[in-house]
Amino acid sequence: MGRIAINIKRLIHNLDSLGKIGCNRNGGIDRALGSRADYKARQWILDYWSNILGLEVHIDSIGNIWGMRNSGSSLPPIVIGSHHDAVPNGGHYDGALGVLAATEIMQTYQEQEILTEHPLYLVSFTGEEPNPYNVSTLGSKVLSGRLTTEDLQKLTHHDTGAPFSECLEEIGGCLAETKTAKLTNKDIGAFIELHIEQGKRLYEHRDSTAIVTCITGIYRENITIHGTANHGGTTNMPDRHDALLTACELNLAFELLLLEENDKETVGTIGFMEVFPNAVSIIPDKVQLTLEIRTCQPEKRKRILEKLTAACEEISKRRGTTIERTLNLDQKEMPMSPLIQSALKEAMIHQNVPVHEYVSMAGHDAANIARFTESGMIFTQSVNGKSHCADEYSKPETIEETVNVLAEAIPILDKEMNAHAAVI
């Protein structure tokens, strides 16, 4: 069989069409879960999958959109897709490219009469991005069992206080039916998500495509620092117990111990901080902050935390302050399916694309799906590594190369899954 080639002009046209939904005056996309733009984007996808592709379309209980090409087989489907929502003033490619790349592959298969033994499904997940209900990767979390109906009942809109159930009903879901939403490997045989890298590795190496080997673990702590409030003019410098200066020194110490790891795939951030009383001429007596570590290597996370504990003890003792640390999140790293990685690698070789393997430093729906079935990812280049902003961009030629690889990999995976099942 010759190389599979998708229609890149059609894919870019569809990206432009979907990108008009929620586009603001700055050129960014405002398409959060439950917004009018979210509803319109959902309708665009449903219309295209139903009317253009002729697929059987379905909205499940948590609002995930499915487009199904049944092969008459009882085998579990291969699913491709991503998400269509966006962060405030986000980019045109994050998530949307994965959904529309999957759409283009389905259309190419129809035109070129490419068949698979496993049914081929498309999916666009609900609420992957941070949203007004404060739960990201929401749709895939429900499918994996990480979020229960009871959890969903507690969710409210952070501005209006409206229950999530109202939003869910509007997008075609049903809260009561989420009790049976959890899936197994009998429901999905394999899932592959195409996504922009959201980093600079491919761009710096002038490459288009990479196989994702693992999705990073994410560790977060809520930290409260207590000092002593006093007059900012009359208190001598040696007599101060400044909570803010303690926080600043902690941040710099945290940066240093991360740099000591000398690993581009281990990073950390203190991106949220509140200062009290936050007034001129008053020495701060309390600071609240959130600290985050991302790595796929548990031993590195453990070593960083041990050093962080020592740094906290030394800084607080010297400054006469106290540092209280509470676990916020300890989400383990999620390795991607070796079976899918193998199929992608073979497809890259067949498409004459250099083989690269990267860790994903951002979270994705694929990590939740990996909890119950074969799950994998493929990256395409982000120009200048920009994402979650209006400047987010991927070149048509790099997109084309990556989507061709995924289109090539699916029939390979289809056969490998049969062989794998036969061995088991």
Protein backbone atom coordinates (compact mmCIF):
# COMPACT_ATOMS: atom_id res chain seq x y z
CA MET A 1 0.00 0.00 0.00
CA GLY A 2 1.24 3.50 -0.87
CA ARG A 3 1.50 6.30 1.61
CA ILE A 4 -1.78 7.69 2.87
CA ALA A 5 -2.19 11.40 2.12
CA ILE A 6 -4.88 13.58 3.67
CA ASN A 7 -6.34 16.74 2.09
CA ILE A 8 -4.47 19.48 3.93
CA LYS A 9 -6.38 22.31 2.21
CA ARG A 10 -9.67 20.91 3.47
CA LEU A 11 -8.29 20.44 6.97
CA ILE A 12 -7.02 24.04 7.12
CA HIS A 13 -10.37 25.27 5.78
CA ASN A 14 -12.17 23.38 8.56
CA LEU A 15 -9.75 24.78 11.15
CA ASP A 16 -10.54 28.29 9.90
CA SER A 17 -14.29 27.59 9.97
CA LEU A 18 -14.32 26.21 13.51
CA GLY A 19 -11.89 28.95 14.55
CA LYS A 20 -14.47 31.62 13.74
CA ILE A 21 -16.63 30.29 16.58
CA GLY A 22 -15.63 32.14 19.74
CA CYS A 23 -12.97 34.25 18.02
CA ASN A 24 -12.50 37.56 19.86
CA ARG A 25 -11.23 40.93 18.65
CA ASN A 26 -7.66 40.00 19.65
CA GLY A 27 -7.71 36.93 17.41
CA GLY A 28 -7.89 34.55 20.37
CA ILE A 29 -10.57 31.96 21.04
CA ASP A 30 -13.07 32.22 23.93
CA ARG A 31 -14.79 28.83 23.96
CA ALA A 32 -15.07 27.60 27.54
CA LEU A 33 -17.36 24.78 28.58
CA GLY A 34 -20.97 25.99 28.72
CA SER A 35 -20.40 29.18 26.74
CA ARG A 36 -22.42 30.09 23.65
CA ALA A 37 -19.31 29.42 21.59
CA ASP A 38 -19.09 25.92 23.10
CA TYR A 39 -22.68 25.21 22.03
CA LYS A 40 -22.06 26.54 18.51
CA ALA A 41 -18.84 24.56 18.12
CA ARG A 42 -20.64 21.42 19.21
CA GLN A 43 -23.33 22.00 16.59
CA TRP A 44 -20.67 22.58 13.92
CA ILE A 45 -19.03 19.24 14.77
CA LEU A 46 -22.34 17.37 14.92
CA ASP A 47 -23.43 18.79 11.57
CA TYR A 48 -20.15 17.96 9.84
CA TRP A 49 -19.91 14.43 11.20
CA SER A 50 -23.56 13.70 10.44
CA ASN A 51 -24.19 15.55 7.18
CA ILE A 52 -20.77 15.55 5.49
CA LEU A 53 -19.32 12.27 6.76
CA GLY A 54 -22.63 10.45 7.20
CA LEU A 55 -21.58 9.07 10.57
CA GLU A 56 -23.85 7.92 13.34
CA VAL A 57 -23.50 10.69 15.92
CA HIS A 58 -24.13 10.45 19.63
CA ILE A 59 -23.78 12.68 22.69
CA ASP A 60 -23.08 10.64 25.81
CA SER A 61 -24.23 11.42 29.34
CA ILE A 62 -21.29 13.74 30.10
CA GLY A 63 -21.63 15.60 26.78
CA ASN A 64 -18.76 13.99 24.87
CA ILE A 65 -19.53 13.97 21.13
CA TRP A 66 -19.07 10.71 19.21
CA GLY A 67 -19.05 10.00 15.48
CA MET A 68 -19.16 6.30 14.65
CA ARG A 69 -18.25 4.35 11.53
CA ASN A 70 -19.29 0.79 12.23
CA SER A 71 -17.56 -1.99 10.33
CA GLY A 72 -20.09 -4.65 11.28
CA SER A 73 -17.48 -6.09 13.61
CA SER A 74 -17.99 -6.86 17.29
CA LEU A 75 -14.43 -5.72 18.03
CA PRO A 76 -13.99 -2.68 20.30
CA PRO A 77 -13.42 0.53 18.29
CA ILE A 78 -10.29 2.49 17.63
CA VAL A 79 -11.07 6.07 18.68
CA ILE A 80 -9.32 9.24 17.48
CA GLY A 81 -10.00 12.83 18.52
CA SER A 82 -9.35 15.45 21.19
CA HIS A 83 -11.37 18.43 22.51
CA HIS A 84 -12.97 21.53 21.00
CA ASP A 85 -13.09 23.87 24.01
CA ALA A 86 -10.47 26.54 24.68
CA VAL A 87 -8.95 28.58 27.49
CA PRO A 88 -9.88 32.31 27.58
CA ASN A 89 -8.17 34.08 24.67
CA GLY A 90 -6.75 30.72 23.65
CA GLY A 91 -5.43 29.51 20.32
CA HIS A 92 -7.02 28.02 17.23
CA TYR A 93 -5.08 24.73 17.38
CA ASP A 94 -5.11 23.42 20.96
CA GLY A 95 -7.63 20.56 20.95
CA ALA A 96 -9.47 21.70 17.83
CA LEU A 97 -6.66 20.45 15.59
CA GLY A 98 -6.95 16.98 17.11
CA VAL A 99 -10.70 16.85 16.52
CA LEU A 100 -10.43 18.13 12.95
CA ALA A 101 -7.40 15.95 12.12
CA ALA A 102 -9.48 12.95 13.19
CA THR A 103 -12.35 14.27 11.06
CA GLU A 104 -10.04 14.63 8.05
CA ILE A 105 -8.68 11.09 8.50
CA MET A 106 -12.21 9.69 8.53
CA GLN A 107 -13.06 11.64 5.37
CA THR A 108 -9.83 10.48 3.68
CA TYR A 109 -10.59 6.85 4.56
CA GLN A 110 -14.04 7.20 3.03
CA GLU A 111 -12.66 8.69 -0.18
CA GLN A 112 -9.81 6.20 -0.49
CA GLU A 113 -11.95 3.26 0.70
CA ILE A 114 -9.59 2.42 3.56
CA LEU A 115 -11.26 -0.06 5.90
CA THR A 116 -10.35 -1.34 9.36
CA GLU A 117 -11.51 -4.47 11.12
CA HIS A 118 -12.05 -2.52 14.32
CA PRO A 119 -14.79 0.12 14.03
CA LEU A 120 -13.39 3.66 13.80
CA TYR A 121 -14.89 6.33 16.05
CA LEU A 122 -14.31 10.07 16.38
CA VAL A 123 -14.61 11.91 19.70
CA SER A 124 -14.60 15.47 20.97
CA PHE A 125 -14.36 15.51 24.75
CA THR A 126 -16.26 17.79 27.11
CA GLY A 127 -14.41 20.42 29.14
CA GLU A 128 -10.76 19.45 28.67
CA GLU A 129 -9.53 22.93 29.52
CA PRO A 130 -9.88 24.74 32.88
CA ASN A 131 -13.47 25.96 32.91
CA PRO A 132 -16.09 27.73 35.06
CA TYR A 133 -16.73 24.46 36.94
CA ASN A 134 -13.08 24.13 37.98
CA VAL A 135 -12.49 20.60 36.65
CA SER A 136 -10.28 20.07 33.61
CA THR A 137 -10.33 16.94 31.38
CA LEU A 138 -13.87 16.60 32.68
CA GLY A 139 -15.40 14.37 30.00
CA SER A 140 -12.58 11.84 29.97
CA LYS A 141 -12.36 11.82 33.78
CA VAL A 142 -15.97 10.61 33.90
CA LEU A 143 -15.32 7.88 31.31
CA SER A 144 -12.35 6.64 33.32
CA GLY A 145 -14.22 6.69 36.63
CA ARG A 146 -12.06 9.44 38.14
CA LEU A 147 -15.19 11.61 38.51
CA THR A 148 -18.43 10.11 39.80
CA THR A 149 -22.02 11.33 39.60
CA GLU A 150 -21.71 12.41 43.23
CA ASP A 151 -18.65 14.52 42.35
CA LEU A 152 -20.52 16.12 39.44
CA GLN A 153 -23.47 16.99 41.69
CA LYS A 154 -21.16 19.22 43.74
CA LEU A 155 -19.94 21.28 40.78
CA THR A 156 -21.21 24.84 40.38
CA HIS A 157 -20.37 27.71 38.06
CA HIS A 158 -17.74 29.87 39.77
CA ASP A 159 -19.49 33.13 38.80
CA THR A 160 -23.20 32.37 38.83
CA GLY A 161 -23.36 29.47 41.29
CA ALA A 162 -25.54 27.53 38.81
CA PRO A 163 -25.27 23.74 39.15
CA PHE A 164 -23.28 21.88 36.53
CA SER A 165 -26.34 19.74 35.79
CA GLU A 166 -27.96 22.73 34.03
CA CYS A 167 -24.99 23.18 31.70
CA LEU A 168 -24.81 19.43 31.08
CA GLU A 169 -28.46 19.29 30.08
CA GLU A 170 -27.98 22.18 27.63
CA ILE A 171 -25.11 20.43 25.83
CA GLY A 172 -27.09 17.20 25.52
CA GLY A 173 -25.90 15.23 28.53
CA CYS A 174 -27.74 13.91 31.57
CA LEU A 175 -26.35 13.92 35.10
CA ALA A 176 -28.39 10.91 36.28
CA GLU A 177 -27.11 8.79 33.39
CA THR A 178 -23.47 9.43 34.27
CA LYS A 179 -23.83 6.64 36.85
CA THR A 180 -23.22 4.21 33.98
CA ALA A 181 -20.73 6.35 32.02
CA LYS A 182 -17.56 4.55 33.09
CA LEU A 183 -15.99 2.62 30.20
CA THR A 184 -13.66 -0.38 29.90
CA ASN A 185 -11.38 -1.80 27.22
CA LYS A 186 -14.44 -3.61 25.88
CA ASP A 187 -15.90 -0.20 24.97
CA ILE A 188 -12.74 1.36 23.51
CA GLY A 189 -10.01 -0.87 22.11
CA ALA A 190 -7.54 1.99 21.60
CA PHE A 191 -7.46 5.78 21.64
CA ILE A 192 -5.02 8.11 19.87
CA GLU A 193 -4.96 11.87 20.38
CA LEU A 194 -3.19 14.24 18.00
CA HIS A 195 -2.21 17.50 19.67
CA ILE A 196 0.09 20.46 19.26
CA GLU A 197 3.20 20.04 21.38
CA GLN A 198 2.68 23.29 23.35
CA GLY A 199 6.44 23.44 23.78
CA LYS A 200 9.56 24.31 21.74
CA ARG A 201 11.34 20.97 21.32
CA LEU A 202 10.04 20.17 17.84
CA TYR A 203 10.35 23.80 16.75
CA GLU A 204 13.94 24.12 17.95
CA HIS A 205 14.92 20.90 16.18
CA ARG A 206 12.96 21.90 13.04
CA ASP A 207 10.95 18.69 13.17
CA SER A 208 7.23 18.25 12.65
CA THR A 209 6.19 15.22 14.64
CA ALA A 210 6.89 13.24 17.81
CA ILE A 211 5.50 10.17 19.52
CA VAL A 212 4.47 10.77 23.14
CA THR A 213 5.91 8.16 25.49
CA CYS A 214 4.46 9.42 28.76
CA ILE A 215 2.18 12.17 30.06
CA THR A 216 3.72 14.02 32.97
CA GLY A 217 2.80 13.56 36.58
CA ILE A 218 1.56 16.72 38.30
CA TYR A 219 2.21 17.40 41.98
CA ARG A 220 0.81 20.49 43.75
CA GLU A 221 0.97 21.88 47.28
CA ASN A 222 -0.97 24.71 48.92
CA ILE A 223 1.51 26.57 51.09
CA THR A 224 0.71 29.12 53.80
CA ILE A 225 3.49 31.24 55.30
CA HIS A 226 2.92 33.02 58.62
CA GLY A 227 5.00 36.00 59.67
CA THR A 228 4.39 39.01 61.90
CA ALA A 229 2.60 42.16 60.76
CA ASN A 230 4.17 45.45 61.84
CA HIS A 231 4.71 49.06 60.78
CA GLY A 232 6.68 49.22 57.53
CA GLY A 233 8.39 52.46 58.54
CA THR A 234 9.26 51.98 62.19
CA THR A 235 10.34 48.31 62.23
CA ASN A 236 14.08 47.85 61.72
CA MET A 237 15.12 45.42 59.00
CA PRO A 238 16.76 42.87 61.36
CA ASP A 239 13.57 42.79 63.47
CA ARG A 240 11.19 41.78 60.67
CA HIS A 241 9.48 38.42 60.19
CA ASP A 242 8.22 39.07 56.67
CA ALA A 243 5.98 36.39 55.17
CA LEU A 244 6.36 37.79 51.66
CA LEU A 245 10.16 37.79 51.73
CA THR A 246 10.01 34.22 53.01
CA ALA A 247 7.80 33.34 50.03
CA CYS A 248 10.19 35.08 47.62
CA GLU A 249 13.19 33.26 49.00
CA LEU A 250 11.32 29.97 48.89
CA ASN A 251 10.46 30.58 45.23
CA LEU A 252 14.11 31.23 44.35
CA ALA A 253 15.26 28.18 46.31
CA PHE A 254 12.66 26.09 44.51
CA GLU A 255 13.91 27.36 41.14
CA LEU A 256 17.50 26.53 42.06
CA LEU A 257 16.83 22.95 43.09
CA LEU A 258 14.88 22.41 39.86
CA LEU A 259 17.77 23.79 37.82
CA GLU A 260 20.09 21.42 39.65
CA GLU A 261 18.17 18.51 38.11
CA ASN A 262 19.35 19.73 34.68
CA ASP A 263 16.36 18.08 33.00
CA LYS A 264 14.11 19.82 30.46
CA GLU A 265 11.35 17.33 31.30
CA THR A 266 11.28 18.25 35.00
CA VAL A 267 9.82 21.67 35.76
CA GLY A 268 8.19 23.55 38.61
CA THR A 269 6.16 26.71 39.08
CA ILE A 270 4.78 28.94 41.81
CA GLY A 271 2.13 30.68 39.74
CA PHE A 272 -0.43 31.70 42.37
CA MET A 273 0.26 33.92 45.37
CA GLU A 274 -1.88 36.03 47.73
CA VAL A 275 -0.36 38.49 50.21
CA PHE A 276 -2.02 39.64 53.45
CA PRO A 277 -2.88 42.30 54.45
CA ASN A 278 -1.49 43.50 51.08
CA ALA A 279 -1.26 47.12 52.14
CA VAL A 280 1.35 49.84 51.83
CA SER A 281 3.56 50.29 54.93
CA ILE A 282 2.50 47.02 56.55
CA ILE A 283 4.90 44.10 56.75
CA PRO A 284 3.02 41.07 55.33
CA ASP A 285 2.04 38.56 58.00
CA LYS A 286 0.63 35.88 55.70
CA VAL A 287 1.19 34.59 52.18
CA GLN A 288 -0.73 31.80 50.47
CA LEU A 289 0.72 30.21 47.35
CA THR A 290 0.47 27.12 45.19
CA LEU A 291 3.58 25.19 44.18
CA GLU A 292 3.64 22.72 41.28
CA ILE A 293 6.12 20.08 40.06
CA ARG A 294 5.80 18.27 36.73
CA THR A 295 7.88 15.22 35.84
CA CYS A 296 7.50 11.68 34.54
CA GLN A 297 10.21 10.45 36.91
CA PRO A 298 8.95 9.69 40.45
CA GLU A 299 12.47 9.48 41.85
CA LYS A 300 13.17 13.05 40.75
CA ARG A 301 9.93 14.30 42.29
CA LYS A 302 10.88 12.57 45.55
CA ARG A 303 14.37 14.10 45.53
CA ILE A 304 13.02 17.61 44.79
CA LEU A 305 10.50 17.35 47.62
CA GLU A 306 13.18 16.23 50.07
CA LYS A 307 15.31 19.24 49.14
CA LEU A 308 12.27 21.50 49.30
CA THR A 309 11.55 20.36 52.85
CA ALA A 310 15.11 21.15 53.90
CA ALA A 311 14.92 24.58 52.23
CA CYS A 312 11.62 25.40 53.96
CA GLU A 313 13.05 24.49 57.36
CA GLU A 314 16.19 26.58 56.84
CA ILE A 315 14.43 29.66 55.45
CA SER A 316 11.63 29.71 58.04
CA LYS A 317 14.05 29.25 60.94
CA ARG A 318 16.32 32.04 59.74
CA ARG A 319 13.46 34.45 59.08
CA GLY A 320 11.40 33.62 62.17
CA THR A 321 8.37 32.58 60.13
CA THR A 322 6.41 29.34 59.75
CA ILE A 323 5.66 27.45 56.54
CA GLU A 324 2.63 25.14 56.40
CA ARG A 325 2.35 22.74 53.44
CA THR A 326 -0.78 20.85 52.38
CA LEU A 327 -1.07 18.40 49.50
CA ASN A 328 -3.34 19.70 46.74
CA LEU A 329 -2.75 17.15 43.95
CA ASP A 330 -0.56 14.11 43.38
CA GLN A 331 -1.41 12.94 39.87
CA LYS A 332 0.90 10.17 38.77
CA GLU A 333 2.64 10.10 35.43
CA MET A 334 0.86 8.05 32.76
CA PRO A 335 2.94 5.99 30.29
CA MET A 336 1.46 5.69 26.81
CA SER A 337 0.65 2.35 25.18
CA PRO A 338 3.70 0.55 23.72
CA LEU A 339 1.36 -0.99 21.12
CA ILE A 340 0.31 2.46 19.87
CA GLN A 341 3.86 3.82 20.04
CA SER A 342 4.99 0.91 17.87
CA ALA A 343 2.27 1.58 15.28
CA LEU A 344 3.13 5.29 15.17
CA LYS A 345 6.83 4.54 14.78
CA GLU A 346 6.19 2.17 11.89
CA ALA A 347 3.95 4.78 10.26
CA MET A 348 6.62 7.48 10.63
CA ILE A 349 9.16 5.25 8.94
CA HIS A 350 6.72 4.46 6.12
CA GLN A 351 5.95 8.18 5.69
CA ASN A 352 9.70 8.95 5.74
CA VAL A 353 9.29 11.13 8.83
CA PRO A 354 12.14 11.25 11.41
CA VAL A 355 11.22 9.34 14.56
CA HIS A 356 11.23 11.40 17.76
CA GLU A 357 9.89 10.46 21.18
CA TYR A 358 8.91 13.05 23.79
CA VAL A 359 7.29 13.26 27.18
CA SER A 360 4.18 15.45 27.32
CA MET A 361 4.65 18.17 29.91
CA ALA A 362 0.95 19.13 29.78
CA GLY A 363 -2.02 17.05 30.88
CA HIS A 364 -4.35 15.56 28.26
CA ASP A 365 -7.51 13.46 27.94
CA ALA A 366 -5.30 10.59 26.73
CA ALA A 367 -3.96 10.21 30.28
CA ASN A 368 -7.44 9.44 31.63
CA ILE A 369 -8.26 7.03 28.80
CA ALA A 370 -4.96 5.22 29.52
CA ARG A 371 -6.43 4.16 32.86
CA PHE A 372 -8.68 1.58 31.17
CA THR A 373 -7.41 0.89 27.65
CA GLU A 374 -4.58 1.34 25.15
CA SER A 375 -3.98 5.08 24.81
CA GLY A 376 -1.43 7.11 22.88
CA MET A 377 -0.56 10.55 21.56
CA ILE A 378 1.23 12.16 18.66
CA PHE A 379 2.53 15.73 18.69
CA THR A 380 2.78 18.26 15.90
CA GLN A 381 5.05 21.30 16.06
CA SER A 382 4.02 24.51 17.83
CA VAL A 383 5.73 27.54 16.27
CA ASN A 384 7.91 29.17 18.96
CA GLY A 385 6.35 26.74 21.44
CA LYS A 386 3.37 29.07 21.93
CA SER A 387 0.04 27.80 23.23
CA HIS A 388 -2.92 28.95 25.36
CA CYS A 389 -2.65 32.32 23.61
CA ALA A 390 -3.80 34.05 20.43
CA ASP A 391 -0.29 33.63 18.92
CA GLU A 392 -0.61 29.83 18.95
CA TYR A 393 0.22 28.54 15.45
CA SER A 394 1.20 25.38 13.60
CA LYS A 395 2.29 25.44 9.96
CA PRO A 396 0.14 23.59 7.40
CA GLU A 397 3.14 21.57 6.19
CA THR A 398 3.94 20.27 9.69
CA ILE A 399 0.27 19.56 10.37
CA GLU A 400 0.02 17.63 7.11
CA GLU A 401 3.05 15.51 7.95
CA THR A 402 1.74 14.64 11.41
CA VAL A 403 -1.81 13.86 10.29
CA ASN A 404 -0.48 11.65 7.49
CA VAL A 405 1.47 9.69 10.09
CA LEU A 406 -1.62 9.18 12.23
CA ALA A 407 -3.67 8.18 9.18
CA GLU A 408 -0.96 5.65 8.31
CA ALA A 409 -0.74 4.33 11.87
CA ILE A 410 -4.40 3.39 12.33
CA PRO A 411 -4.47 0.45 9.87
CA ILE A 412 -1.15 -0.72 11.34
CA LEU A 413 -2.60 -0.56 14.84
CA ASP A 414 -5.76 -2.33 13.62
CA LYS A 415 -3.68 -5.35 12.55
CA GLU A 416 -1.40 -5.26 15.61
CA MET A 417 -4.41 -5.24 17.95
CA ASN A 418 -5.71 -8.40 16.27
CA ALA A 419 -2.31 -10.06 16.56
CA HIS A 420 -1.97 -8.93 20.18
CA ALA A 421 -5.41 -10.30 21.03
CA ALA A 422 -4.54 -13.62 19.38
CA VAL A 423 -1.41 -13.97 21.53
CA ILE A 424 -3.36 -13.19 24.72
